[in-house]
All heavy atoms as atom14 arrays in JSON, in Angstrom:
{
  "sequence": "LQNIPEGSVLVVDGGGSRKCALLGDNLAHIAVTRQLSGIVVYG",
  "atom14_mask": [
    [1, 1, 1, 1, 1, 1, 1, 1, 0, 0, 0, 0, 0, 0],
    [1, 1, 1, 1, 1, 1, 1, 1, 1, 0, 0, 0, 0, 0],
    [1, 1, 1, 1, 1, 1, 1, 1, 0, 0, 0, 0, 0, 0],
    [1, 1, 1, 1, 1, 1, 1, 1, 0, 0, 0, 0, 0, 0],
    [1, 1, 1, 1, 1, 1, 1, 0, 0, 0, 0, 0, 0, 0],
    [1, 1, 1, 1, 1, 1, 1, 1, 1, 0, 0, 0, 0, 0],
    [1, 1, 1, 1, 0, 0, 0, 0, 0, 0, 0, 0, 0, 0],
    [1, 1, 1, 1, 1, 1, 0, 0, 0, 0, 0, 0, 0, 0],
    [1, 1, 1, 1, 1, 1, 1, 0, 0, 0, 0, 0, 0, 0],
    [1, 1, 1, 1, 1, 1, 1, 1, 0, 0, 0, 0, 0, 0],
    [1, 1, 1, 1, 1, 1, 1, 0, 0, 0, 0, 0, 0, 0],
    [1, 1, 1, 1, 1, 1, 1, 0, 0, 0, 0, 0, 0, 0],
    [1, 1, 1, 1, 1, 1, 1, 1, 0, 0, 0, 0, 0, 0],
    [1, 1, 1, 1, 0, 0, 0, 0, 0, 0, 0, 0, 0, 0],
    [1, 1, 1, 1, 0, 0, 0, 0, 0, 0, 0, 0, 0, 0],
    [1, 1, 1, 1, 0, 0, 0, 0, 0, 0, 0, 0, 0, 0],
    [1, 1, 1, 1, 1, 1, 0, 0, 0, 0, 0, 0, 0, 0],
    [1, 1, 1, 1, 1, 1, 1, 1, 1, 1, 1, 0, 0, 0],
    [1, 1, 1, 1, 1, 1, 1, 1, 1, 0, 0, 0, 0, 0],
    [1, 1, 1, 1, 1, 1, 0, 0, 0, 0, 0, 0, 0, 0],
    [1, 1, 1, 1, 1, 0, 0, 0, 0, 0, 0, 0, 0, 0],
    [1, 1, 1, 1, 1, 1, 1, 1, 0, 0, 0, 0, 0, 0],
    [1, 1, 1, 1, 1, 1, 1, 1, 0, 0, 0, 0, 0, 0],
    [1, 1, 1, 1, 0, 0, 0, 0, 0, 0, 0, 0, 0, 0],
    [1, 1, 1, 1, 1, 1, 1, 1, 0, 0, 0, 0, 0, 0],
    [1, 1, 1, 1, 1, 1, 1, 1, 0, 0, 0, 0, 0, 0],
    [1, 1, 1, 1, 1, 1, 1, 1, 0, 0, 0, 0, 0, 0],
    [1, 1, 1, 1, 1, 0, 0, 0, 0, 0, 0, 0, 0, 0],
    [1, 1, 1, 1, 1, 1, 1, 1, 1, 1, 0, 0, 0, 0],
    [1, 1, 1, 1, 1, 1, 1, 1, 0, 0, 0, 0, 0, 0],
    [1, 1, 1, 1, 1, 0, 0, 0, 0, 0, 0, 0, 0, 0],
    [1, 1, 1, 1, 1, 1, 1, 0, 0, 0, 0, 0, 0, 0],
    [1, 1, 1, 1, 1, 1, 1, 0, 0, 0, 0, 0, 0, 0],
    [1, 1, 1, 1, 1, 1, 1, 1, 1, 1, 1, 0, 0, 0],
    [1, 1, 1, 1, 1, 1, 1, 1, 1, 0, 0, 0, 0, 0],
    [1, 1, 1, 1, 1, 1, 1, 1, 0, 0, 0, 0, 0, 0],
    [1, 1, 1, 1, 1, 1, 0, 0, 0, 0, 0, 0, 0, 0],
    [1, 1, 1, 1, 0, 0, 0, 0, 0, 0, 0, 0, 0, 0],
    [1, 1, 1, 1, 1, 1, 1, 1, 0, 0, 0, 0, 0, 0],
    [1, 1, 1, 1, 1, 1, 1, 0, 0, 0, 0, 0, 0, 0],
    [1, 1, 1, 1, 1, 1, 1, 0, 0, 0, 0, 0, 0, 0],
    [1, 1, 1, 1, 1, 1, 1, 1, 1, 1, 1, 1, 0, 0],
    [1, 1, 1, 1, 0, 0, 0, 0, 0, 0, 0, 0, 0, 0]
  ],
  "atom14_positions": [
    [[147.46, 131.96, 52.59], [146.12, 131.97, 53.2], [146.21, 132.11, 54.72], [145.34, 132.71, 55.35], [145.35, 130.71, 52.82], [144.92, 130.61, 51.36], [144.39, 129.22, 51.04], [143.89, 131.69, 51.02], [0.0, 0.0, 0.0], [0.0, 0.0, 0.0], [0.0, 0.0, 0.0], [0.0, 0.0, 0.0], [0.0, 0.0, 0.0], [0.0, 0.0, 0.0]],
    [[147.24, 131.55, 55.3], [147.42, 131.62, 56.76], [147.98, 132.96, 57.23], [147.87, 133.27, 58.42], [148.36, 130.5, 57.22], [147.77, 129.12, 57.05], [148.79, 128.02, 57.3], [149.98, 128.17, 57.01], [148.32, 126.89, 57.81], [0.0, 0.0, 0.0], [0.0, 0.0, 0.0], [0.0, 0.0, 0.0], [0.0, 0.0, 0.0], [0.0, 0.0, 0.0]],
    [[148.56, 133.76, 56.32], [149.3, 134.94, 56.75], [148.85, 136.28, 56.2], [149.14, 137.3, 56.81], [150.79, 134.76, 56.42], [151.4, 133.65, 57.25], [151.37, 133.67, 58.47], [151.95, 132.64, 56.59], [0.0, 0.0, 0.0], [0.0, 0.0, 0.0], [0.0, 0.0, 0.0], [0.0, 0.0, 0.0], [0.0, 0.0, 0.0], [0.0, 0.0, 0.0]],
    [[148.18, 136.32, 55.06], [147.82, 137.63, 54.5], [146.72, 138.27, 55.35], [145.97, 137.58, 56.04], [147.43, 137.54, 53.02], [146.14, 136.74, 52.8], [148.58, 136.98, 52.19], [145.65, 136.73, 51.37], [0.0, 0.0, 0.0], [0.0, 0.0, 0.0], [0.0, 0.0, 0.0], [0.0, 0.0, 0.0], [0.0, 0.0, 0.0], [0.0, 0.0, 0.0]],
    [[146.61, 139.6, 55.32], [145.64, 140.29, 56.19], [144.18, 140.0, 55.84], [143.83, 139.76, 54.68], [145.95, 141.77, 55.96], [147.32, 141.81, 55.38], [147.49, 140.53, 54.62], [0.0, 0.0, 0.0], [0.0, 0.0, 0.0], [0.0, 0.0, 0.0], [0.0, 0.0, 0.0], [0.0, 0.0, 0.0], [0.0, 0.0, 0.0], [0.0, 0.0, 0.0]],
    [[143.34, 140.05, 56.84], [141.89, 139.94, 56.68], [141.43, 140.93, 55.62], [141.95, 142.04, 55.53], [141.24, 140.26, 58.03], [139.74, 140.24, 58.03], [139.16, 140.59, 59.39], [139.68, 140.1, 60.41], [138.18, 141.37, 59.42], [0.0, 0.0, 0.0], [0.0, 0.0, 0.0], [0.0, 0.0, 0.0], [0.0, 0.0, 0.0], [0.0, 0.0, 0.0]],
    [[140.46, 140.52, 54.81], [139.92, 141.38, 53.77], [140.71, 141.39, 52.47], [140.32, 142.03, 51.51], [0.0, 0.0, 0.0], [0.0, 0.0, 0.0], [0.0, 0.0, 0.0], [0.0, 0.0, 0.0], [0.0, 0.0, 0.0], [0.0, 0.0, 0.0], [0.0, 0.0, 0.0], [0.0, 0.0, 0.0], [0.0, 0.0, 0.0], [0.0, 0.0, 0.0]],
    [[141.81, 140.65, 52.44], [142.66, 140.6, 51.24], [142.12, 139.61, 50.22], [141.35, 138.71, 50.54], [144.08, 140.18, 51.61], [144.67, 141.12, 52.47], [0.0, 0.0, 0.0], [0.0, 0.0, 0.0], [0.0, 0.0, 0.0], [0.0, 0.0, 0.0], [0.0, 0.0, 0.0], [0.0, 0.0, 0.0], [0.0, 0.0, 0.0], [0.0, 0.0, 0.0]],
    [[142.61, 139.77, 49.0], [142.34, 138.82, 47.92], [143.65, 138.13, 47.59], [144.65, 138.79, 47.31], [141.79, 139.52, 46.66], [141.63, 138.52, 45.52], [140.47, 140.22, 46.96], [0.0, 0.0, 0.0], [0.0, 0.0, 0.0], [0.0, 0.0, 0.0], [0.0, 0.0, 0.0], [0.0, 0.0, 0.0], [0.0, 0.0, 0.0], [0.0, 0.0, 0.0]],
    [[143.66, 136.79, 47.65], [144.84, 136.04, 47.24], [144.72, 135.73, 45.75], [143.74, 135.13, 45.31], [144.98, 134.74, 48.03], [146.19, 133.89, 47.63], [147.5, 134.65, 47.89], [146.18, 132.56, 48.36], [0.0, 0.0, 0.0], [0.0, 0.0, 0.0], [0.0, 0.0, 0.0], [0.0, 0.0, 0.0], [0.0, 0.0, 0.0], [0.0, 0.0, 0.0]],
    [[145.72, 136.14, 45.0], [145.8, 135.84, 43.57], [146.91, 134.81, 43.38], [148.06, 135.06, 43.73], [146.08, 137.11, 42.74], [146.3, 136.75, 41.28], [144.93, 138.09, 42.88], [0.0, 0.0, 0.0], [0.0, 0.0, 0.0], [0.0, 0.0, 0.0], [0.0, 0.0, 0.0], [0.0, 0.0, 0.0], [0.0, 0.0, 0.0], [0.0, 0.0, 0.0]],
    [[146.53, 133.65, 42.85], [147.45, 132.53, 42.65], [147.71, 132.36, 41.16], [146.8, 132.01, 40.41], [146.88, 131.23, 43.24], [147.83, 130.07, 43.0], [146.53, 131.39, 44.71], [0.0, 0.0, 0.0], [0.0, 0.0, 0.0], [0.0, 0.0, 0.0], [0.0, 0.0, 0.0], [0.0, 0.0, 0.0], [0.0, 0.0, 0.0], [0.0, 0.0, 0.0]],
    [[148.95, 132.61, 40.74], [149.33, 132.34, 39.36], [149.85, 130.92, 39.32], [150.98, 130.65, 39.68], [150.4, 133.33, 38.89], [150.83, 133.08, 37.45], [150.42, 132.06, 36.85], [151.59, 133.92, 36.92], [0.0, 0.0, 0.0], [0.0, 0.0, 0.0], [0.0, 0.0, 0.0], [0.0, 0.0, 0.0], [0.0, 0.0, 0.0], [0.0, 0.0, 0.0]],
    [[148.99, 130.01, 38.9], [149.35, 128.61, 38.81], [149.79, 128.2, 37.41], [149.81, 127.01, 37.07], [0.0, 0.0, 0.0], [0.0, 0.0, 0.0], [0.0, 0.0, 0.0], [0.0, 0.0, 0.0], [0.0, 0.0, 0.0], [0.0, 0.0, 0.0], [0.0, 0.0, 0.0], [0.0, 0.0, 0.0], [0.0, 0.0, 0.0], [0.0, 0.0, 0.0]],
    [[150.13, 129.2, 36.58], [150.59, 128.9, 35.24], [149.52, 128.36, 34.32], [149.81, 127.9, 33.22], [0.0, 0.0, 0.0], [0.0, 0.0, 0.0], [0.0, 0.0, 0.0], [0.0, 0.0, 0.0], [0.0, 0.0, 0.0], [0.0, 0.0, 0.0], [0.0, 0.0, 0.0], [0.0, 0.0, 0.0], [0.0, 0.0, 0.0], [0.0, 0.0, 0.0]],
    [[148.27, 128.39, 34.76], [147.17, 127.87, 33.94], [147.12, 126.36, 33.86], [146.38, 125.8, 33.06], [0.0, 0.0, 0.0], [0.0, 0.0, 0.0], [0.0, 0.0, 0.0], [0.0, 0.0, 0.0], [0.0, 0.0, 0.0], [0.0, 0.0, 0.0], [0.0, 0.0, 0.0], [0.0, 0.0, 0.0], [0.0, 0.0, 0.0], [0.0, 0.0, 0.0]],
    [[147.88, 125.67, 34.73], [147.9, 124.21, 34.69], [146.54, 123.63, 35.08], [145.92, 124.07, 36.05], [148.97, 123.65, 35.63], [148.88, 122.24, 35.67], [0.0, 0.0, 0.0], [0.0, 0.0, 0.0], [0.0, 0.0, 0.0], [0.0, 0.0, 0.0], [0.0, 0.0, 0.0], [0.0, 0.0, 0.0], [0.0, 0.0, 0.0], [0.0, 0.0, 0.0]],
    [[146.12, 122.63, 34.32], [144.88, 121.9, 34.62], [145.17, 120.48, 35.09], [144.29, 119.65, 35.16], [144.0, 121.87, 33.38], [143.51, 123.25, 32.97], [142.68, 123.18, 31.7], [142.26, 124.47, 31.25], [141.09, 125.03, 31.57], [140.25, 124.39, 32.34], [140.78, 126.22, 31.1], [0.0, 0.0, 0.0], [0.0, 0.0, 0.0], [0.0, 0.0, 0.0]],
    [[146.44, 120.19, 35.42], [146.85, 118.82, 35.77], [146.6, 118.45, 37.22], [146.64, 117.27, 37.57], [148.32, 118.63, 35.43], [148.59, 118.68, 33.95], [150.04, 118.42, 33.64], [150.28, 118.48, 32.14], [151.68, 118.25, 31.82], [0.0, 0.0, 0.0], [0.0, 0.0, 0.0], [0.0, 0.0, 0.0], [0.0, 0.0, 0.0], [0.0, 0.0, 0.0]],
    [[146.38, 119.45, 38.09], [146.1, 119.17, 39.5], [145.43, 120.41, 40.09], [145.38, 121.46, 39.47], [147.36, 118.81, 40.27], [148.55, 120.15, 40.41], [0.0, 0.0, 0.0], [0.0, 0.0, 0.0], [0.0, 0.0, 0.0], [0.0, 0.0, 0.0], [0.0, 0.0, 0.0], [0.0, 0.0, 0.0], [0.0, 0.0, 0.0], [0.0, 0.0, 0.0]],
    [[144.93, 120.26, 41.31], [144.27, 121.36, 42.01], [145.24, 122.05, 42.95], [146.04, 121.4, 43.63], [143.08, 120.84, 42.8], [0.0, 0.0, 0.0], [0.0, 0.0, 0.0], [0.0, 0.0, 0.0], [0.0, 0.0, 0.0], [0.0, 0.0, 0.0], [0.0, 0.0, 0.0], [0.0, 0.0, 0.0], [0.0, 0.0, 0.0], [0.0, 0.0, 0.0]],
    [[145.17, 123.37, 42.98], [146.01, 124.16, 43.88], [145.27, 124.55, 45.16], [145.89, 125.06, 46.09], [146.5, 125.42, 43.17], [147.43, 125.18, 42.0], [147.74, 126.48, 41.28], [148.71, 124.49, 42.47], [0.0, 0.0, 0.0], [0.0, 0.0, 0.0], [0.0, 0.0, 0.0], [0.0, 0.0, 0.0], [0.0, 0.0, 0.0], [0.0, 0.0, 0.0]],
    [[143.97, 124.31, 45.2], [143.17, 124.68, 46.37], [141.99, 123.73, 46.48], [141.36, 123.41, 45.47], [142.67, 126.13, 46.18], [141.88, 126.71, 47.33], [142.45, 128.08, 47.69], [140.42, 126.86, 46.94], [0.0, 0.0, 0.0], [0.0, 0.0, 0.0], [0.0, 0.0, 0.0], [0.0, 0.0, 0.0], [0.0, 0.0, 0.0], [0.0, 0.0, 0.0]],
    [[141.71, 123.32, 47.7], [140.56, 122.47, 47.98], [139.79, 123.01, 49.16], [140.03, 124.13, 49.62], [0.0, 0.0, 0.0], [0.0, 0.0, 0.0], [0.0, 0.0, 0.0], [0.0, 0.0, 0.0], [0.0, 0.0, 0.0], [0.0, 0.0, 0.0], [0.0, 0.0, 0.0], [0.0, 0.0, 0.0], [0.0, 0.0, 0.0], [0.0, 0.0, 0.0]],
    [[138.86, 122.2, 49.69], [138.0, 122.68, 50.77], [138.77, 123.02, 52.04], [138.41, 123.95, 52.75], [136.86, 121.71, 51.04], [137.31, 120.34, 51.51], [138.47, 119.95, 51.27], [136.47, 119.63, 52.11], [0.0, 0.0, 0.0], [0.0, 0.0, 0.0], [0.0, 0.0, 0.0], [0.0, 0.0, 0.0], [0.0, 0.0, 0.0], [0.0, 0.0, 0.0]],
    [[139.85, 122.31, 52.34], [140.61, 122.61, 53.55], [141.25, 124.0, 53.47], [141.21, 124.77, 54.45], [141.69, 121.56, 53.82], [141.09, 120.22, 54.21], [140.01, 120.16, 54.78], [141.8, 119.15, 53.89], [0.0, 0.0, 0.0], [0.0, 0.0, 0.0], [0.0, 0.0, 0.0], [0.0, 0.0, 0.0], [0.0, 0.0, 0.0], [0.0, 0.0, 0.0]],
    [[141.84, 124.34, 52.34], [142.44, 125.66, 52.19], [141.36, 126.74, 52.08], [141.54, 127.85, 52.62], [143.37, 125.71, 50.98], [144.61, 124.8, 51.05], [145.55, 125.09, 49.9], [145.32, 124.92, 52.38], [0.0, 0.0, 0.0], [0.0, 0.0, 0.0], [0.0, 0.0, 0.0], [0.0, 0.0, 0.0], [0.0, 0.0, 0.0], [0.0, 0.0, 0.0]],
    [[140.26, 126.44, 51.43], [139.15, 127.4, 51.37], [138.63, 127.7, 52.77], [138.28, 128.84, 53.08], [138.04, 126.88, 50.47], [0.0, 0.0, 0.0], [0.0, 0.0, 0.0], [0.0, 0.0, 0.0], [0.0, 0.0, 0.0], [0.0, 0.0, 0.0], [0.0, 0.0, 0.0], [0.0, 0.0, 0.0], [0.0, 0.0, 0.0], [0.0, 0.0, 0.0]],
    [[138.6, 126.68, 53.62], [138.14, 126.87, 55.01], [139.06, 127.84, 55.75], [138.59, 128.66, 56.55], [138.07, 125.52, 55.74], [137.63, 125.65, 57.15], [136.33, 125.94, 57.5], [138.32, 125.56, 58.31], [136.24, 126.01, 58.82], [137.44, 125.79, 59.34], [0.0, 0.0, 0.0], [0.0, 0.0, 0.0], [0.0, 0.0, 0.0], [0.0, 0.0, 0.0]],
    [[140.36, 127.77, 55.49], [141.3, 128.73, 56.1], [140.92, 130.15, 55.68], [140.87, 131.07, 56.51], [142.76, 128.42, 55.7], [143.2, 127.09, 56.3], [143.69, 129.55, 56.14], [144.54, 126.57, 55.77], [0.0, 0.0, 0.0], [0.0, 0.0, 0.0], [0.0, 0.0, 0.0], [0.0, 0.0, 0.0], [0.0, 0.0, 0.0], [0.0, 0.0, 0.0]],
    [[140.63, 130.34, 54.4], [140.25, 131.66, 53.9], [138.97, 132.17, 54.56], [138.87, 133.35, 54.91], [140.09, 131.62, 52.38], [0.0, 0.0, 0.0], [0.0, 0.0, 0.0], [0.0, 0.0, 0.0], [0.0, 0.0, 0.0], [0.0, 0.0, 0.0], [0.0, 0.0, 0.0], [0.0, 0.0, 0.0], [0.0, 0.0, 0.0], [0.0, 0.0, 0.0]],
    [[138.0, 131.28, 54.74], [136.74, 131.66, 55.39], [137.01, 132.06, 56.85], [136.57, 133.12, 57.31], [135.71, 130.51, 55.32], [134.49, 130.82, 56.17], [135.3, 130.24, 53.88], [0.0, 0.0, 0.0], [0.0, 0.0, 0.0], [0.0, 0.0, 0.0], [0.0, 0.0, 0.0], [0.0, 0.0, 0.0], [0.0, 0.0, 0.0], [0.0, 0.0, 0.0]],
    [[137.73, 131.2, 57.56], [138.02, 131.44, 58.98], [138.79, 132.75, 59.17], [138.53, 133.49, 60.12], [138.84, 130.26, 59.56], [138.08, 129.06, 59.38], [139.14, 130.47, 61.02], [0.0, 0.0, 0.0], [0.0, 0.0, 0.0], [0.0, 0.0, 0.0], [0.0, 0.0, 0.0], [0.0, 0.0, 0.0], [0.0, 0.0, 0.0], [0.0, 0.0, 0.0]],
    [[139.7, 133.05, 58.29], [140.52, 134.26, 58.4], [139.86, 135.49, 57.78], [140.43, 136.55, 57.76], [141.89, 134.02, 57.77], [142.65, 132.92, 58.53], [144.14, 133.02, 58.45], [144.61, 134.33, 58.88], [145.11, 135.25, 58.05], [145.24, 135.01, 56.76], [145.51, 136.42, 58.51], [0.0, 0.0, 0.0], [0.0, 0.0, 0.0], [0.0, 0.0, 0.0]],
    [[138.64, 135.33, 57.26], [137.84, 136.41, 56.68], [138.57, 137.11, 55.54], [138.59, 138.34, 55.45], [137.42, 137.4, 57.76], [136.54, 136.76, 58.8], [136.06, 137.74, 59.86], [136.53, 138.85, 59.98], [135.09, 137.3, 60.65], [0.0, 0.0, 0.0], [0.0, 0.0, 0.0], [0.0, 0.0, 0.0], [0.0, 0.0, 0.0], [0.0, 0.0, 0.0]],
    [[139.15, 136.3, 54.65], [139.73, 136.86, 53.43], [138.58, 137.22, 52.49], [137.51, 136.61, 52.53], [140.68, 135.87, 52.79], [141.87, 135.43, 53.66], [142.79, 134.51, 52.9], [142.63, 136.64, 54.19], [0.0, 0.0, 0.0], [0.0, 0.0, 0.0], [0.0, 0.0, 0.0], [0.0, 0.0, 0.0], [0.0, 0.0, 0.0], [0.0, 0.0, 0.0]],
    [[138.8, 138.18, 51.64], [137.74, 138.65, 50.75], [137.45, 137.65, 49.64], [136.29, 137.4, 49.31], [138.14, 140.0, 50.16], [137.1, 140.5, 49.36], [0.0, 0.0, 0.0], [0.0, 0.0, 0.0], [0.0, 0.0, 0.0], [0.0, 0.0, 0.0], [0.0, 0.0, 0.0], [0.0, 0.0, 0.0], [0.0, 0.0, 0.0], [0.0, 0.0, 0.0]],
    [[138.49, 137.05, 49.05], [138.3, 136.1, 47.97], [139.62, 135.59, 47.45], [140.69, 135.99, 47.91], [0.0, 0.0, 0.0], [0.0, 0.0, 0.0], [0.0, 0.0, 0.0], [0.0, 0.0, 0.0], [0.0, 0.0, 0.0], [0.0, 0.0, 0.0], [0.0, 0.0, 0.0], [0.0, 0.0, 0.0], [0.0, 0.0, 0.0], [0.0, 0.0, 0.0]],
    [[139.52, 134.67, 46.48], [140.69, 134.02, 45.91], [140.5, 133.91, 44.4], [139.41, 133.56, 43.93], [140.89, 132.6, 46.49], [140.96, 132.63, 48.01], [142.13, 131.93, 45.9], [140.84, 131.26, 48.67], [0.0, 0.0, 0.0], [0.0, 0.0, 0.0], [0.0, 0.0, 0.0], [0.0, 0.0, 0.0], [0.0, 0.0, 0.0], [0.0, 0.0, 0.0]],
    [[141.56, 134.2, 43.65], [141.57, 133.98, 42.2], [142.71, 133.01, 41.91], [143.85, 133.26, 42.32], [141.76, 135.29, 41.42], [141.9, 135.0, 39.93], [140.6, 136.24, 41.68], [0.0, 0.0, 0.0], [0.0, 0.0, 0.0], [0.0, 0.0, 0.0], [0.0, 0.0, 0.0], [0.0, 0.0, 0.0], [0.0, 0.0, 0.0], [0.0, 0.0, 0.0]],
    [[142.41, 131.92, 41.23], [143.41, 130.89, 40.93], [143.5, 130.71, 39.42], [142.53, 130.29, 38.78], [143.04, 129.53, 41.58], [144.11, 128.49, 41.27], [142.83, 129.67, 43.08], [0.0, 0.0, 0.0], [0.0, 0.0, 0.0], [0.0, 0.0, 0.0], [0.0, 0.0, 0.0], [0.0, 0.0, 0.0], [0.0, 0.0, 0.0], [0.0, 0.0, 0.0]],
    [[144.68, 131.05, 38.87], [144.93, 130.76, 37.46], [145.45, 129.32, 37.41], [146.61, 129.04, 37.21], [145.91, 131.75, 36.86], [146.07, 131.61, 35.37], [144.96, 131.64, 34.53], [147.32, 131.45, 34.8], [145.1, 131.5, 33.16], [147.46, 131.32, 33.43], [146.35, 131.34, 32.62], [146.49, 131.21, 31.26], [0.0, 0.0, 0.0], [0.0, 0.0, 0.0]],
    [[144.52, 128.42, 37.67], [144.75, 126.99, 37.78], [143.45, 126.37, 38.25], [142.39, 127.0, 38.17], [0.0, 0.0, 0.0], [0.0, 0.0, 0.0], [0.0, 0.0, 0.0], [0.0, 0.0, 0.0], [0.0, 0.0, 0.0], [0.0, 0.0, 0.0], [0.0, 0.0, 0.0], [0.0, 0.0, 0.0], [0.0, 0.0, 0.0], [0.0, 0.0, 0.0]]
  ]
}
């Protein structure tokens, strides 16, 4: 989230685990600030 180019989509393969969260409001804020297009989390 801190390094990919603006306008990108981060795809996170979290193995489909439902045991914990891989993204919260702090990381989402990074995506907003860096103007990323969106995020897909398989988790």
